[in-house]
């Protein structure tokens, strides 16, 4: 155990400590050349549903096909104007298990991003979006209509597939054994691990040790 490490340095190596680098390897991966964040708020979304409301789940936002436009900016090299329509799906579920699918209002984006000019014709930059949507406040139901507010966090990225040279600590350690599914779990087995309860009520000095 040199330098305080166990036999497998991949499990607990110290950040920025390259003593255990075994080799430098080339990998092909997506590199983020630029990214930015924005947020949108929809204070009043209305959706018709039947039955009693149970939950709202949001899907990943996506760029609507044929809406992405990337254009050059005059007198600003290596930056581009990026326009697209962002759409976010959601699913409302009632207590009967029925679902009602729809989209939040389309989000129109018109932003400026760093995209290098000096690249070979075959190199392809992609515009990638990630979203995190959440219900704000309470969900109100009146008759067959649901009203709720939604906040959306958005990250827009310029991504290019490249070959990178990175330090490697060797191959990953062996994974742990898989847990076998047992449909007929013994309820008494979990009972064996429950802590033993107190059989008698607490005394005065237990509750008020300062007296």
N, C-alpha and C. Protein backbone atom coordinates (compact mmCIF):
# COMPACT_ATOMS: atom_id res chain seq x y z
N UNK A 1 0.86 -1.19 0.00
CA UNK A 1 0.00 0.00 0.00
C UNK A 1 0.90 1.23 0.00
N UNK A 2 1.30 1.68 -1.19
CA UNK A 2 2.18 2.84 -1.31
C UNK A 2 1.36 4.12 -1.30
N UNK A 3 1.92 5.17 -0.67
CA UNK A 3 1.26 6.48 -0.63
C UNK A 3 -0.12 6.43 -0.01
N UNK A 4 -0.39 5.44 0.84
CA UNK A 4 -1.67 5.39 1.54
C UNK A 4 -2.81 4.85 0.71
N UNK A 5 -2.51 4.21 -0.44
CA UNK A 5 -3.58 3.68 -1.28
C UNK A 5 -3.73 2.19 -1.04
N UNK A 6 -4.95 1.70 -1.27
CA UNK A 6 -5.18 0.27 -1.25
C UNK A 6 -4.69 -0.32 -2.56
N UNK A 7 -4.89 -1.62 -2.72
CA UNK A 7 -4.41 -2.29 -3.92
C UNK A 7 -5.13 -1.81 -5.17
N UNK A 8 -6.34 -1.29 -5.00
CA UNK A 8 -7.09 -0.80 -6.16
C UNK A 8 -7.18 0.71 -6.09
N UNK A 9 -6.28 1.44 -6.74
CA UNK A 9 -6.30 2.90 -6.63
C UNK A 9 -7.52 3.52 -7.28
N UNK A 10 -8.20 2.79 -8.15
CA UNK A 10 -9.37 3.35 -8.80
C UNK A 10 -10.51 3.61 -7.85
N UNK A 11 -10.48 2.97 -6.67
CA UNK A 11 -11.59 3.13 -5.73
C UNK A 11 -11.47 4.38 -4.88
N UNK A 12 -10.23 4.82 -4.58
CA UNK A 12 -10.10 5.91 -3.62
C UNK A 12 -8.92 6.82 -3.93
N UNK A 13 -8.58 7.01 -5.21
CA UNK A 13 -7.46 7.88 -5.51
C UNK A 13 -7.81 9.33 -5.19
N UNK A 14 -6.80 10.09 -4.82
CA UNK A 14 -7.00 11.48 -4.46
C UNK A 14 -7.09 12.33 -5.72
N UNK A 15 -8.00 13.30 -5.73
CA UNK A 15 -8.14 14.18 -6.88
C UNK A 15 -6.81 14.84 -7.21
N UNK A 16 -6.51 14.91 -8.50
CA UNK A 16 -5.30 15.56 -9.02
C UNK A 16 -4.00 14.82 -8.69
N UNK A 17 -4.08 13.66 -8.08
CA UNK A 17 -2.89 12.87 -7.81
C UNK A 17 -2.73 11.87 -8.94
N UNK A 18 -1.69 12.06 -9.77
CA UNK A 18 -1.50 11.23 -10.95
C UNK A 18 -0.44 10.15 -10.73
N UNK A 19 -0.11 9.88 -9.47
CA UNK A 19 0.92 8.89 -9.20
C UNK A 19 0.53 7.50 -9.70
N UNK A 20 -0.76 7.25 -9.77
CA UNK A 20 -1.20 5.92 -10.15
C UNK A 20 -1.66 5.82 -11.59
N UNK A 21 -1.37 6.84 -12.39
CA UNK A 21 -1.69 6.75 -13.82
C UNK A 21 -0.86 5.64 -14.44
N UNK A 22 -1.51 4.68 -15.06
CA UNK A 22 -0.81 3.55 -15.66
C UNK A 22 -0.46 3.78 -17.12
N UNK A 23 -1.26 4.58 -17.81
CA UNK A 23 -1.01 4.83 -19.22
C UNK A 23 -1.82 6.04 -19.66
N UNK A 24 -1.52 6.52 -20.84
CA UNK A 24 -2.33 7.55 -21.48
C UNK A 24 -3.02 6.91 -22.67
N UNK A 25 -4.33 7.08 -22.73
CA UNK A 25 -5.11 6.42 -23.77
C UNK A 25 -5.88 7.44 -24.58
N UNK A 26 -6.13 7.09 -25.83
CA UNK A 26 -6.96 7.91 -26.71
C UNK A 26 -8.37 7.37 -26.70
N UNK A 27 -9.34 8.24 -26.49
CA UNK A 27 -10.74 7.84 -26.53
C UNK A 27 -11.49 8.74 -27.51
N UNK A 28 -12.54 8.22 -28.07
CA UNK A 28 -13.44 9.01 -28.91
C UNK A 28 -14.67 9.34 -28.08
N UNK A 29 -14.94 10.64 -27.93
CA UNK A 29 -16.03 11.04 -27.05
C UNK A 29 -16.60 12.38 -27.50
N UNK A 30 -17.72 12.76 -26.92
CA UNK A 30 -18.33 14.07 -27.20
C UNK A 30 -17.68 15.11 -26.30
N UNK A 31 -17.19 16.16 -26.89
CA UNK A 31 -16.59 17.26 -26.13
C UNK A 31 -17.52 18.46 -26.19
N UNK A 32 -17.74 19.09 -25.04
CA UNK A 32 -18.58 20.28 -24.98
C UNK A 32 -17.70 21.50 -25.28
N UNK A 33 -17.98 22.17 -26.40
CA UNK A 33 -17.20 23.35 -26.78
C UNK A 33 -17.78 24.63 -26.19
N UNK A 34 -19.06 24.63 -25.92
CA UNK A 34 -19.70 25.80 -25.32
C UNK A 34 -21.01 25.36 -24.68
N UNK A 35 -21.42 26.07 -23.64
CA UNK A 35 -22.71 25.78 -23.03
C UNK A 35 -23.22 27.01 -22.30
N UNK A 36 -24.50 27.07 -22.12
CA UNK A 36 -25.12 28.19 -21.40
C UNK A 36 -26.41 27.70 -20.76
N UNK A 37 -26.88 28.47 -19.78
CA UNK A 37 -28.10 28.08 -19.07
C UNK A 37 -29.16 29.17 -19.18
N UNK A 38 -30.39 28.75 -19.18
CA UNK A 38 -31.52 29.66 -19.17
C UNK A 38 -32.64 29.01 -18.36
N UNK A 39 -33.67 29.80 -18.10
CA UNK A 39 -34.83 29.25 -17.41
C UNK A 39 -36.10 29.90 -17.95
N UNK A 40 -37.17 29.13 -17.92
CA UNK A 40 -38.48 29.60 -18.36
C UNK A 40 -39.50 29.27 -17.28
N UNK A 41 -40.52 30.12 -17.17
CA UNK A 41 -41.57 29.89 -16.18
C UNK A 41 -42.93 30.02 -16.85
N UNK A 42 -43.78 29.05 -16.61
CA UNK A 42 -45.16 29.06 -17.11
C UNK A 42 -46.09 29.13 -15.90
N UNK A 43 -46.66 30.30 -15.61
CA UNK A 43 -47.42 30.45 -14.37
C UNK A 43 -48.80 29.79 -14.38
N UNK A 44 -49.33 29.49 -15.56
CA UNK A 44 -50.69 28.95 -15.59
C UNK A 44 -50.85 27.97 -16.75
N UNK A 45 -50.57 26.69 -16.49
CA UNK A 45 -50.81 25.63 -17.47
C UNK A 45 -52.16 25.00 -17.15
N UNK A 46 -52.98 24.84 -18.17
CA UNK A 46 -54.32 24.27 -17.98
C UNK A 46 -54.43 22.98 -18.79
N UNK A 47 -54.93 21.94 -18.14
CA UNK A 47 -55.06 20.65 -18.80
C UNK A 47 -56.35 19.97 -18.34
N UNK A 48 -57.10 19.46 -19.30
CA UNK A 48 -58.31 18.72 -18.96
C UNK A 48 -57.95 17.28 -18.60
N UNK A 49 -58.50 16.81 -17.49
CA UNK A 49 -58.31 15.41 -17.09
C UNK A 49 -59.62 14.88 -16.53
N UNK A 50 -59.69 13.57 -16.44
CA UNK A 50 -60.83 12.92 -15.81
C UNK A 50 -60.37 12.23 -14.54
N UNK A 51 -61.23 12.21 -13.55
CA UNK A 51 -60.88 11.54 -12.30
C UNK A 51 -60.05 12.43 -11.39
N UNK A 52 -59.51 11.81 -10.35
CA UNK A 52 -58.76 12.52 -9.33
C UNK A 52 -57.28 12.56 -9.69
N UNK A 53 -56.71 13.75 -9.62
CA UNK A 53 -55.31 13.93 -9.99
C UNK A 53 -54.38 13.19 -9.03
N UNK A 54 -53.29 12.59 -9.62
CA UNK A 54 -52.30 11.91 -8.79
C UNK A 54 -50.90 12.48 -8.98
N UNK A 55 -50.43 12.62 -10.24
CA UNK A 55 -49.04 13.06 -10.43
C UNK A 55 -48.84 13.68 -11.81
N UNK A 56 -47.74 14.43 -11.92
CA UNK A 56 -47.30 15.00 -13.20
C UNK A 56 -45.84 14.62 -13.39
N UNK A 57 -45.50 14.04 -14.54
CA UNK A 57 -44.13 13.68 -14.86
C UNK A 57 -43.73 14.38 -16.17
N UNK A 58 -42.51 14.92 -16.19
CA UNK A 58 -42.02 15.62 -17.37
C UNK A 58 -41.00 14.77 -18.11
N UNK A 59 -41.06 14.83 -19.43
CA UNK A 59 -40.07 14.16 -20.25
C UNK A 59 -38.94 15.11 -20.61
N UNK A 60 -37.90 14.57 -21.25
CA UNK A 60 -36.77 15.39 -21.65
C UNK A 60 -37.18 16.34 -22.78
N UNK A 61 -36.78 17.60 -22.64
CA UNK A 61 -37.06 18.55 -23.70
C UNK A 61 -36.25 18.21 -24.95
N UNK A 62 -36.77 18.56 -26.11
CA UNK A 62 -36.09 18.26 -27.37
C UNK A 62 -36.30 19.40 -28.36
N UNK A 63 -35.36 19.50 -29.30
CA UNK A 63 -35.48 20.49 -30.35
C UNK A 63 -36.45 19.97 -31.41
N UNK A 64 -37.48 20.75 -31.68
CA UNK A 64 -38.47 20.33 -32.67
C UNK A 64 -37.79 20.18 -34.03
N UNK A 65 -38.00 19.06 -34.71
CA UNK A 65 -37.36 18.85 -36.02
C UNK A 65 -37.62 20.01 -36.98
N UNK A 66 -36.58 20.35 -37.74
CA UNK A 66 -36.63 21.38 -38.79
C UNK A 66 -36.76 22.80 -38.24
N UNK A 67 -36.49 22.99 -36.95
CA UNK A 67 -36.56 24.35 -36.40
C UNK A 67 -35.17 24.92 -36.09
N UNK A 68 -34.15 24.09 -36.10
CA UNK A 68 -32.80 24.55 -35.74
C UNK A 68 -32.17 25.31 -36.90
N UNK A 69 -31.76 26.55 -36.63
CA UNK A 69 -31.09 27.38 -37.63
C UNK A 69 -29.83 27.96 -36.99
N UNK A 70 -28.68 27.65 -37.58
CA UNK A 70 -27.40 28.18 -37.11
C UNK A 70 -26.85 29.09 -38.21
N UNK A 71 -26.63 30.36 -37.88
CA UNK A 71 -26.18 31.32 -38.88
C UNK A 71 -25.01 32.14 -38.36
N UNK A 72 -24.21 32.63 -39.27
CA UNK A 72 -23.03 33.41 -38.92
C UNK A 72 -23.43 34.79 -38.42
N UNK A 73 -22.54 35.38 -37.64
CA UNK A 73 -22.73 36.74 -37.13
C UNK A 73 -21.71 37.66 -37.80
N UNK A 74 -22.15 38.74 -38.39
CA UNK A 74 -21.20 39.66 -39.02
C UNK A 74 -20.27 40.29 -37.99
N UNK A 75 -18.99 40.34 -38.33
CA UNK A 75 -17.97 40.98 -37.47
C UNK A 75 -17.80 40.28 -36.12
N UNK A 76 -18.16 39.01 -36.04
CA UNK A 76 -17.95 38.26 -34.80
C UNK A 76 -17.56 36.83 -35.15
N UNK A 77 -16.28 36.64 -35.35
CA UNK A 77 -15.78 35.32 -35.73
C UNK A 77 -15.97 34.31 -34.61
N UNK A 78 -16.16 33.06 -35.00
CA UNK A 78 -16.24 31.92 -34.08
C UNK A 78 -17.47 31.94 -33.17
N UNK A 79 -18.41 32.80 -33.47
CA UNK A 79 -19.68 32.79 -32.75
C UNK A 79 -20.82 32.70 -33.76
N UNK A 80 -21.88 32.02 -33.37
CA UNK A 80 -23.01 31.82 -34.27
C UNK A 80 -24.32 32.17 -33.56
N UNK A 81 -25.26 32.60 -34.37
CA UNK A 81 -26.63 32.79 -33.88
C UNK A 81 -27.34 31.45 -34.00
N UNK A 82 -27.93 31.00 -32.90
CA UNK A 82 -28.59 29.69 -32.86
C UNK A 82 -30.05 29.88 -32.49
N UNK A 83 -30.91 29.43 -33.39
CA UNK A 83 -32.36 29.54 -33.16
C UNK A 83 -33.01 28.16 -33.26
N UNK A 84 -33.94 27.89 -32.36
CA UNK A 84 -34.67 26.63 -32.41
C UNK A 84 -35.90 26.71 -31.53
N UNK A 85 -36.78 25.75 -31.70
CA UNK A 85 -37.97 25.61 -30.86
C UNK A 85 -37.78 24.42 -29.93
N UNK A 86 -37.92 24.68 -28.64
CA UNK A 86 -37.77 23.63 -27.63
C UNK A 86 -39.15 23.18 -27.17
N UNK A 87 -39.33 21.87 -27.11
CA UNK A 87 -40.63 21.31 -26.71
C UNK A 87 -40.44 20.31 -25.58
N UNK A 88 -41.30 20.40 -24.57
CA UNK A 88 -41.16 19.54 -23.38
C UNK A 88 -42.47 18.78 -23.15
N UNK A 89 -42.42 17.47 -23.20
CA UNK A 89 -43.64 16.68 -22.96
C UNK A 89 -43.90 16.46 -21.47
N UNK A 90 -45.16 16.23 -21.15
CA UNK A 90 -45.49 15.85 -19.78
C UNK A 90 -46.66 14.88 -19.80
N UNK A 91 -46.76 14.11 -18.72
CA UNK A 91 -47.83 13.12 -18.58
C UNK A 91 -48.50 13.32 -17.22
N UNK A 92 -49.80 13.49 -17.24
CA UNK A 92 -50.58 13.59 -16.01
C UNK A 92 -51.27 12.25 -15.76
N UNK A 93 -51.20 11.80 -14.52
CA UNK A 93 -51.80 10.51 -14.16
C UNK A 93 -52.86 10.72 -13.09
N UNK A 94 -53.99 10.04 -13.23
CA UNK A 94 -55.01 10.10 -12.19
C UNK A 94 -54.95 8.85 -11.33
N UNK A 95 -55.78 8.82 -10.30
CA UNK A 95 -55.72 7.73 -9.33
C UNK A 95 -56.18 6.40 -9.92
N UNK A 96 -56.83 6.43 -11.07
CA UNK A 96 -57.26 5.19 -11.73
C UNK A 96 -56.17 4.62 -12.62
N UNK A 97 -55.05 5.33 -12.72
CA UNK A 97 -53.96 4.86 -13.58
C UNK A 97 -54.05 5.36 -15.00
N UNK A 98 -55.07 6.18 -15.31
CA UNK A 98 -55.20 6.74 -16.65
C UNK A 98 -54.22 7.90 -16.83
N UNK A 99 -53.73 8.06 -18.04
CA UNK A 99 -52.74 9.10 -18.30
C UNK A 99 -53.25 10.07 -19.37
N UNK A 100 -52.78 11.31 -19.27
CA UNK A 100 -53.14 12.37 -20.20
C UNK A 100 -51.84 13.07 -20.62
N UNK A 101 -51.48 12.93 -21.89
CA UNK A 101 -50.21 13.44 -22.39
C UNK A 101 -50.39 14.75 -23.14
N UNK A 102 -49.40 15.63 -22.96
CA UNK A 102 -49.43 16.91 -23.66
C UNK A 102 -48.03 17.51 -23.63
N UNK A 103 -47.90 18.72 -24.15
CA UNK A 103 -46.63 19.44 -24.15
C UNK A 103 -46.81 20.79 -23.47
N UNK A 104 -45.75 21.24 -22.82
CA UNK A 104 -45.73 22.62 -22.37
C UNK A 104 -45.72 23.54 -23.59
N UNK A 105 -46.08 24.79 -23.43
CA UNK A 105 -45.99 25.71 -24.58
C UNK A 105 -44.58 25.71 -25.17
N UNK A 106 -44.49 25.77 -26.49
CA UNK A 106 -43.19 25.78 -27.14
C UNK A 106 -42.34 26.94 -26.66
N UNK A 107 -41.05 26.66 -26.49
CA UNK A 107 -40.09 27.68 -26.06
C UNK A 107 -39.21 28.04 -27.25
N UNK A 108 -39.26 29.30 -27.67
CA UNK A 108 -38.48 29.76 -28.82
C UNK A 108 -37.15 30.31 -28.32
N UNK A 109 -36.06 29.78 -28.85
CA UNK A 109 -34.72 30.19 -28.44
C UNK A 109 -34.01 30.92 -29.58
N UNK A 110 -33.36 32.03 -29.23
CA UNK A 110 -32.57 32.82 -30.17
C UNK A 110 -31.36 33.32 -29.40
N UNK A 111 -30.25 32.56 -29.44
CA UNK A 111 -29.10 32.84 -28.59
C UNK A 111 -27.82 32.85 -29.42
N UNK A 112 -26.73 33.27 -28.78
CA UNK A 112 -25.41 33.30 -29.41
C UNK A 112 -24.50 32.31 -28.69
N UNK A 113 -23.82 31.45 -29.46
CA UNK A 113 -22.95 30.43 -28.89
C UNK A 113 -21.61 30.40 -29.61
N UNK A 114 -20.58 30.04 -28.87
CA UNK A 114 -19.26 29.86 -29.46
C UNK A 114 -19.24 28.58 -30.29
N UNK A 115 -18.98 28.72 -31.58
CA UNK A 115 -18.81 27.58 -32.49
C UNK A 115 -17.64 27.92 -33.41
N UNK A 116 -16.49 27.26 -33.25
CA UNK A 116 -15.29 27.62 -34.03
C UNK A 116 -15.54 27.58 -35.53
N UNK A 117 -14.91 28.53 -36.22
CA UNK A 117 -15.05 28.59 -37.68
C UNK A 117 -14.06 27.67 -38.39
N UNK A 118 -12.84 27.58 -37.88
CA UNK A 118 -11.76 26.90 -38.58
C UNK A 118 -11.82 25.40 -38.32
N UNK A 119 -12.74 24.73 -38.97
CA UNK A 119 -12.89 23.28 -38.84
C UNK A 119 -13.03 22.67 -40.24
N UNK A 120 -12.66 21.40 -40.34
CA UNK A 120 -12.81 20.72 -41.63
C UNK A 120 -14.28 20.54 -41.96
N UNK A 121 -14.57 20.42 -43.23
CA UNK A 121 -15.96 20.35 -43.68
C UNK A 121 -16.68 19.13 -43.09
N UNK A 122 -15.94 18.06 -42.85
CA UNK A 122 -16.58 16.83 -42.38
C UNK A 122 -16.92 16.85 -40.89
N UNK A 123 -16.35 17.82 -40.16
CA UNK A 123 -16.60 17.87 -38.72
C UNK A 123 -17.99 18.45 -38.46
N UNK A 124 -18.70 17.81 -37.55
CA UNK A 124 -20.09 18.20 -37.30
C UNK A 124 -20.28 18.63 -35.85
N UNK A 125 -20.67 19.88 -35.65
CA UNK A 125 -21.08 20.36 -34.33
C UNK A 125 -22.57 20.10 -34.16
N UNK A 126 -22.96 19.64 -32.96
CA UNK A 126 -24.36 19.40 -32.66
C UNK A 126 -24.82 20.33 -31.55
N UNK A 127 -26.06 20.76 -31.65
CA UNK A 127 -26.68 21.54 -30.58
C UNK A 127 -27.51 20.57 -29.73
N UNK A 128 -27.15 20.50 -28.46
CA UNK A 128 -27.80 19.55 -27.54
C UNK A 128 -28.47 20.33 -26.42
N UNK A 129 -29.67 19.93 -26.05
CA UNK A 129 -30.37 20.58 -24.95
C UNK A 129 -30.67 19.57 -23.84
N UNK A 130 -30.62 20.05 -22.62
CA UNK A 130 -31.03 19.28 -21.45
C UNK A 130 -32.00 20.13 -20.65
N UNK A 131 -33.01 19.50 -20.10
CA UNK A 131 -34.02 20.25 -19.34
C UNK A 131 -34.30 19.58 -18.00
N UNK A 132 -34.70 20.40 -17.05
CA UNK A 132 -35.17 19.92 -15.76
C UNK A 132 -36.41 20.74 -15.41
N UNK A 133 -37.57 20.08 -15.43
CA UNK A 133 -38.84 20.77 -15.23
C UNK A 133 -39.46 20.35 -13.90
N UNK A 134 -40.11 21.30 -13.25
CA UNK A 134 -40.74 21.00 -11.97
C UNK A 134 -42.00 21.84 -11.78
N UNK A 135 -42.96 21.27 -11.09
CA UNK A 135 -44.19 21.98 -10.76
C UNK A 135 -43.89 22.98 -9.65
N UNK A 136 -44.38 24.21 -9.82
CA UNK A 136 -44.19 25.25 -8.83
C UNK A 136 -45.50 25.47 -8.08
N UNK A 137 -45.44 25.38 -6.77
CA UNK A 137 -46.65 25.60 -5.98
C UNK A 137 -47.59 24.41 -6.03
N UNK A 138 -48.86 24.70 -5.78
CA UNK A 138 -49.87 23.65 -5.71
C UNK A 138 -50.51 23.41 -7.06
N UNK A 139 -51.07 22.22 -7.21
CA UNK A 139 -51.84 21.86 -8.40
C UNK A 139 -53.32 21.99 -8.04
N UNK A 140 -54.04 22.83 -8.77
CA UNK A 140 -55.45 23.06 -8.49
C UNK A 140 -56.32 22.36 -9.52
N UNK A 141 -57.40 21.75 -9.04
CA UNK A 141 -58.35 21.09 -9.94
C UNK A 141 -59.73 21.66 -9.73
N UNK A 142 -60.33 22.11 -10.82
CA UNK A 142 -61.70 22.63 -10.78
C UNK A 142 -62.49 21.94 -11.88
N UNK A 143 -63.49 21.20 -11.49
CA UNK A 143 -64.27 20.38 -12.42
C UNK A 143 -63.33 19.41 -13.13
N UNK A 144 -63.22 19.53 -14.45
CA UNK A 144 -62.36 18.60 -15.20
C UNK A 144 -61.08 19.29 -15.67
N UNK A 145 -60.73 20.42 -15.08
CA UNK A 145 -59.54 21.15 -15.50
C UNK A 145 -58.51 21.20 -14.37
N UNK A 146 -57.26 21.01 -14.77
CA UNK A 146 -56.13 21.08 -13.85
C UNK A 146 -55.34 22.34 -14.16
N UNK A 147 -54.98 23.09 -13.14
CA UNK A 147 -54.16 24.30 -13.31
C UNK A 147 -52.91 24.18 -12.45
N UNK A 148 -51.77 24.46 -13.06
CA UNK A 148 -50.51 24.38 -12.33
C UNK A 148 -49.47 25.26 -13.01
N UNK A 149 -48.43 25.60 -12.25
CA UNK A 149 -47.32 26.39 -12.77
C UNK A 149 -46.09 25.49 -12.91
N UNK A 150 -45.25 25.80 -13.90
CA UNK A 150 -44.07 24.98 -14.17
C UNK A 150 -42.86 25.88 -14.36
N UNK A 151 -41.75 25.50 -13.73
CA UNK A 151 -40.46 26.14 -13.96
C UNK A 151 -39.55 25.18 -14.71
N UNK A 152 -38.85 25.70 -15.70
CA UNK A 152 -37.98 24.86 -16.54
C UNK A 152 -36.57 25.42 -16.53
N UNK A 153 -35.61 24.58 -16.15
CA UNK A 153 -34.19 24.91 -16.27
C UNK A 153 -33.67 24.30 -17.57
N UNK A 154 -32.90 25.09 -18.32
CA UNK A 154 -32.45 24.66 -19.64
C UNK A 154 -30.93 24.82 -19.74
N UNK A 155 -30.26 23.82 -20.27
CA UNK A 155 -28.85 23.91 -20.63
C UNK A 155 -28.72 23.62 -22.11
N UNK A 156 -28.07 24.54 -22.82
CA UNK A 156 -27.83 24.37 -24.25
C UNK A 156 -26.33 24.15 -24.45
N UNK A 157 -25.98 23.14 -25.23
CA UNK A 157 -24.57 22.79 -25.42
C UNK A 157 -24.22 22.72 -26.90
N UNK A 158 -22.98 23.11 -27.20
CA UNK A 158 -22.38 22.87 -28.52
C UNK A 158 -21.44 21.69 -28.35
N UNK A 159 -21.72 20.60 -29.04
CA UNK A 159 -21.00 19.35 -28.84
C UNK A 159 -20.36 18.89 -30.14
N UNK A 160 -19.11 18.44 -30.02
CA UNK A 160 -18.42 17.86 -31.17
C UNK A 160 -17.74 16.57 -30.78
N UNK A 161 -17.74 15.59 -31.68
CA UNK A 161 -17.12 14.29 -31.39
C UNK A 161 -15.65 14.36 -31.75
N UNK A 162 -14.79 14.10 -30.75
CA UNK A 162 -13.35 14.27 -30.93
C UNK A 162 -12.60 13.07 -30.34
N UNK A 163 -11.30 13.04 -30.61
CA UNK A 163 -10.42 12.07 -29.99
C UNK A 163 -9.59 12.78 -28.94
N UNK A 164 -9.66 12.29 -27.69
CA UNK A 164 -8.98 12.93 -26.57
C UNK A 164 -7.93 12.00 -25.98
N UNK A 165 -6.83 12.58 -25.52
CA UNK A 165 -5.81 11.84 -24.80
C UNK A 165 -6.03 12.07 -23.31
N UNK A 166 -6.25 11.00 -22.57
CA UNK A 166 -6.55 11.13 -21.15
C UNK A 166 -5.70 10.16 -20.33
N UNK A 167 -5.44 10.49 -19.05
CA UNK A 167 -4.74 9.53 -18.18
C UNK A 167 -5.69 8.41 -17.79
N UNK A 168 -5.15 7.21 -17.63
CA UNK A 168 -5.97 6.05 -17.27
C UNK A 168 -5.37 5.36 -16.05
N UNK A 169 -6.23 4.88 -15.17
CA UNK A 169 -5.81 4.15 -13.99
C UNK A 169 -5.93 2.65 -14.19
N UNK A 170 -6.03 2.23 -15.43
CA UNK A 170 -6.20 0.81 -15.72
C UNK A 170 -7.67 0.47 -15.90
N UNK A 171 -7.95 -0.81 -16.01
CA UNK A 171 -9.33 -1.24 -16.21
C UNK A 171 -10.12 -1.15 -14.91
N UNK A 172 -11.42 -1.06 -15.04
CA UNK A 172 -12.29 -0.94 -13.87
C UNK A 172 -12.23 -2.23 -13.04
N UNK A 173 -12.40 -2.12 -11.72
CA UNK A 173 -12.42 -3.33 -10.89
C UNK A 173 -13.64 -4.17 -11.20
N UNK A 174 -13.57 -5.43 -10.75
CA UNK A 174 -14.69 -6.33 -10.98
C UNK A 174 -15.93 -5.79 -10.26
N UNK A 175 -17.10 -5.89 -10.89
CA UNK A 175 -18.33 -5.41 -10.24
C UNK A 175 -18.76 -6.35 -9.13
N UNK A 176 -19.62 -5.88 -8.23
CA UNK A 176 -20.13 -6.77 -7.18
C UNK A 176 -21.07 -7.81 -7.75
N UNK A 177 -21.34 -8.83 -6.95
CA UNK A 177 -22.26 -9.87 -7.36
C UNK A 177 -23.67 -9.29 -7.55
N UNK A 178 -24.38 -9.80 -8.53
CA UNK A 178 -25.77 -9.37 -8.76
C UNK A 178 -26.66 -9.90 -7.64
N UNK A 179 -27.68 -9.11 -7.31
CA UNK A 179 -28.66 -9.55 -6.32
C UNK A 179 -29.76 -10.32 -7.02
N UNK A 180 -29.98 -11.53 -6.61
CA UNK A 180 -31.03 -12.35 -7.20
C UNK A 180 -32.39 -11.91 -6.70
N UNK A 181 -33.36 -11.79 -7.63
CA UNK A 181 -34.70 -11.41 -7.24
C UNK A 181 -35.40 -12.60 -6.61
N UNK A 182 -36.01 -12.37 -5.47
CA UNK A 182 -36.74 -13.42 -4.78
C UNK A 182 -38.17 -12.98 -4.57
N UNK A 183 -39.11 -13.48 -5.36
CA UNK A 183 -40.51 -13.03 -5.25
C UNK A 183 -41.18 -13.44 -3.94
N UNK A 184 -40.62 -14.44 -3.25
CA UNK A 184 -41.25 -14.92 -2.02
C UNK A 184 -40.29 -14.68 -0.86
N UNK A 185 -40.11 -13.40 -0.55
CA UNK A 185 -39.21 -13.05 0.55
C UNK A 185 -39.82 -13.48 1.88
N UNK A 186 -38.98 -13.98 2.76
CA UNK A 186 -39.42 -14.42 4.08
C UNK A 186 -39.57 -13.20 4.98
N UNK A 187 -40.80 -12.89 5.38
CA UNK A 187 -41.03 -11.70 6.21
C UNK A 187 -40.34 -11.83 7.56
N UNK A 188 -40.17 -13.05 8.03
CA UNK A 188 -39.51 -13.25 9.32
C UNK A 188 -38.02 -12.96 9.23
N UNK A 189 -37.44 -13.06 7.99
CA UNK A 189 -36.01 -12.80 7.84
C UNK A 189 -35.71 -11.34 8.14
N UNK A 190 -36.55 -10.40 7.63
CA UNK A 190 -36.33 -9.00 7.93
C UNK A 190 -36.65 -8.69 9.40
N UNK A 191 -37.60 -9.43 9.98
CA UNK A 191 -37.93 -9.23 11.40
C UNK A 191 -36.74 -9.54 12.29
N UNK A 192 -35.90 -10.48 11.87
CA UNK A 192 -34.74 -10.87 12.68
C UNK A 192 -33.75 -9.73 12.86
N UNK A 193 -33.80 -8.74 11.97
CA UNK A 193 -32.84 -7.64 12.03
C UNK A 193 -33.41 -6.37 12.66
N UNK A 194 -34.68 -6.42 13.09
CA UNK A 194 -35.26 -5.25 13.73
C UNK A 194 -34.65 -5.06 15.12
N UNK A 195 -34.41 -3.79 15.54
CA UNK A 195 -33.87 -3.57 16.89
C UNK A 195 -34.91 -3.96 17.95
N UNK A 196 -34.40 -4.48 19.05
CA UNK A 196 -35.29 -4.90 20.12
C UNK A 196 -35.91 -3.68 20.77
N UNK A 197 -37.23 -3.66 20.98
CA UNK A 197 -37.88 -2.46 21.54
C UNK A 197 -37.70 -2.37 23.06
N UNK A 198 -37.95 -1.15 23.58
CA UNK A 198 -37.99 -0.98 25.04
C UNK A 198 -39.30 -1.55 25.57
N UNK A 199 -39.20 -2.39 26.59
CA UNK A 199 -40.39 -3.03 27.13
C UNK A 199 -41.09 -2.20 28.19
N UNK A 200 -40.36 -1.25 28.79
CA UNK A 200 -40.92 -0.52 29.91
C UNK A 200 -40.91 0.97 29.61
N UNK A 201 -41.88 1.72 30.14
CA UNK A 201 -41.92 3.17 29.89
C UNK A 201 -40.73 3.86 30.53
N UNK A 202 -40.33 5.02 30.03
CA UNK A 202 -39.17 5.72 30.59
C UNK A 202 -39.46 6.25 31.99
N UNK A 203 -38.41 6.36 32.80
CA UNK A 203 -38.52 6.93 34.13
C UNK A 203 -38.30 8.44 34.07
N UNK A 204 -38.56 9.08 35.20
CA UNK A 204 -38.42 10.53 35.26
C UNK A 204 -37.01 10.96 34.90
N UNK A 205 -35.99 10.29 35.46
CA UNK A 205 -34.61 10.68 35.21
C UNK A 205 -34.18 10.41 33.76
N UNK A 206 -34.90 9.52 33.06
CA UNK A 206 -34.60 9.29 31.64
C UNK A 206 -35.05 10.47 30.79
N UNK A 207 -36.21 11.03 31.16
CA UNK A 207 -36.75 12.13 30.39
C UNK A 207 -36.16 13.48 30.79
N UNK A 208 -35.82 13.62 32.06
CA UNK A 208 -35.31 14.91 32.55
C UNK A 208 -33.99 14.68 33.29
N UNK A 209 -32.94 14.34 32.57
CA UNK A 209 -31.66 14.02 33.25
C UNK A 209 -31.03 15.23 33.95
N UNK A 210 -31.49 16.45 33.59
CA UNK A 210 -30.87 17.62 34.21
C UNK A 210 -31.36 17.85 35.64
N UNK A 211 -32.48 17.23 36.00
CA UNK A 211 -33.01 17.39 37.37
C UNK A 211 -32.38 16.39 38.33
